[in-house]
Amino acid sequence: MIQVKFFASVRERVGTEALRLPWPERGATVAEVLALAEGETGVTLRGAHVLAAVNLQHASFSSVVRDGDEVAFFPPVTGG
């Protein structure tokens, strides 16, 4: 299983804070997890400004995700 979490405006857009997705036996990248999450929620996030983290570490969309990982999607943040 993959635990997928959504934060801030991304959470508002998809309408949930978390999903549990079955692990694809062939493996997956962050981009593929995003596509699975989009399929579950019916909301397209590609093209929006979305960042990702795997197990609390910033990750690129080409990063490999393993069974049991937590993947989070969130908007860029600014400080000031």
Protein backbone atom coordinates (compact mmCIF):
# COMPACT_ATOMS: atom_id res chain seq x y z
CA MET A 1 0.00 0.00 0.00
CA ILE A 2 1.00 3.59 -0.57
CA GLN A 3 -0.22 6.29 1.78
CA VAL A 4 -0.87 9.51 -0.16
CA LYS A 5 -1.36 12.78 1.70
CA PHE A 6 -2.51 16.14 0.38
CA PHE A 7 -1.80 19.47 2.06
CA ALA A 8 -3.13 23.04 1.94
CA SER A 9 -4.74 24.08 -1.37
CA VAL A 10 -4.02 20.67 -2.91
CA ARG A 11 -6.09 19.05 -0.15
CA GLU A 12 -8.90 21.53 -0.76
CA ARG A 13 -8.80 20.80 -4.47
CA VAL A 14 -9.00 16.99 -4.16
CA GLY A 15 -11.45 17.09 -1.25
CA THR A 16 -9.57 14.73 1.07
CA GLU A 17 -6.45 14.79 3.18
CA ALA A 18 -5.32 11.22 2.49
CA LEU A 19 -5.75 8.14 0.32
CA ARG A 20 -4.47 4.59 0.58
CA LEU A 21 -3.62 3.17 -2.82
CA PRO A 22 -2.74 -0.41 -3.67
CA TRP A 23 0.89 -1.01 -4.50
CA PRO A 24 1.45 -1.51 -8.24
CA GLU A 25 3.47 -4.73 -8.51
CA ARG A 26 5.67 -3.31 -11.25
CA GLY A 27 6.64 -0.37 -8.99
CA ALA A 28 5.90 3.31 -9.39
CA THR A 29 7.37 6.78 -9.58
CA VAL A 30 5.97 9.83 -7.83
CA ALA A 31 4.42 10.88 -11.17
CA GLU A 32 2.66 7.53 -11.45
CA VAL A 33 1.38 7.79 -7.87
CA LEU A 34 0.03 11.22 -8.75
CA ALA A 35 -1.76 9.72 -11.76
CA LEU A 36 -3.27 6.98 -9.56
CA ALA A 37 -4.43 9.60 -7.04
CA GLU A 38 -5.94 11.69 -9.83
CA GLY A 39 -7.85 8.62 -10.99
CA GLU A 40 -9.18 7.99 -7.48
CA THR A 41 -10.24 11.58 -6.85
CA GLY A 42 -11.26 12.61 -10.35
CA VAL A 43 -9.18 15.78 -9.99
CA THR A 44 -6.28 16.64 -12.30
CA LEU A 45 -3.28 18.08 -10.49
CA ARG A 46 -0.76 17.82 -13.33
CA GLY A 47 -0.01 21.23 -14.71
CA ALA A 48 -0.77 22.85 -11.36
CA HIS A 49 2.07 24.02 -9.16
CA VAL A 50 2.45 20.93 -7.00
CA LEU A 51 5.49 19.67 -5.12
CA ALA A 52 6.04 16.18 -3.75
CA ALA A 53 7.73 14.45 -0.84
CA VAL A 54 8.41 10.78 -0.19
CA ASN A 55 8.70 9.79 3.47
CA LEU A 56 9.00 13.46 4.50
CA GLN A 57 11.83 14.22 2.03
CA HIS A 58 11.33 16.49 -0.98
CA ALA A 59 11.25 14.34 -4.10
CA SER A 60 11.17 14.78 -7.86
CA PHE A 61 8.34 13.32 -9.89
CA SER A 62 10.78 10.75 -11.30
CA SER A 63 11.68 9.45 -7.81
CA VAL A 64 10.93 5.78 -7.20
CA VAL A 65 8.23 4.95 -4.65
CA ARG A 66 8.33 1.68 -2.74
CA ASP A 67 5.61 -0.38 -1.10
CA GLY A 68 4.74 1.18 2.26
CA ASP A 69 6.05 4.66 1.39
CA GLU A 70 4.18 7.83 2.19
CA VAL A 71 3.86 10.28 -0.69
CA ALA A 72 2.71 13.83 -0.05
CA PHE A 73 1.60 16.47 -2.53
CA PHE A 74 1.54 20.15 -1.58
CA PRO A 75 1.71 23.61 -3.11
CA PRO A 76 4.90 25.66 -3.15
CA VAL A 77 5.17 27.88 -0.12
CA THR A 78 6.70 31.30 0.27
CA GLY A 79 7.88 33.04 3.35
CA GLY A 80 8.33 36.58 4.28
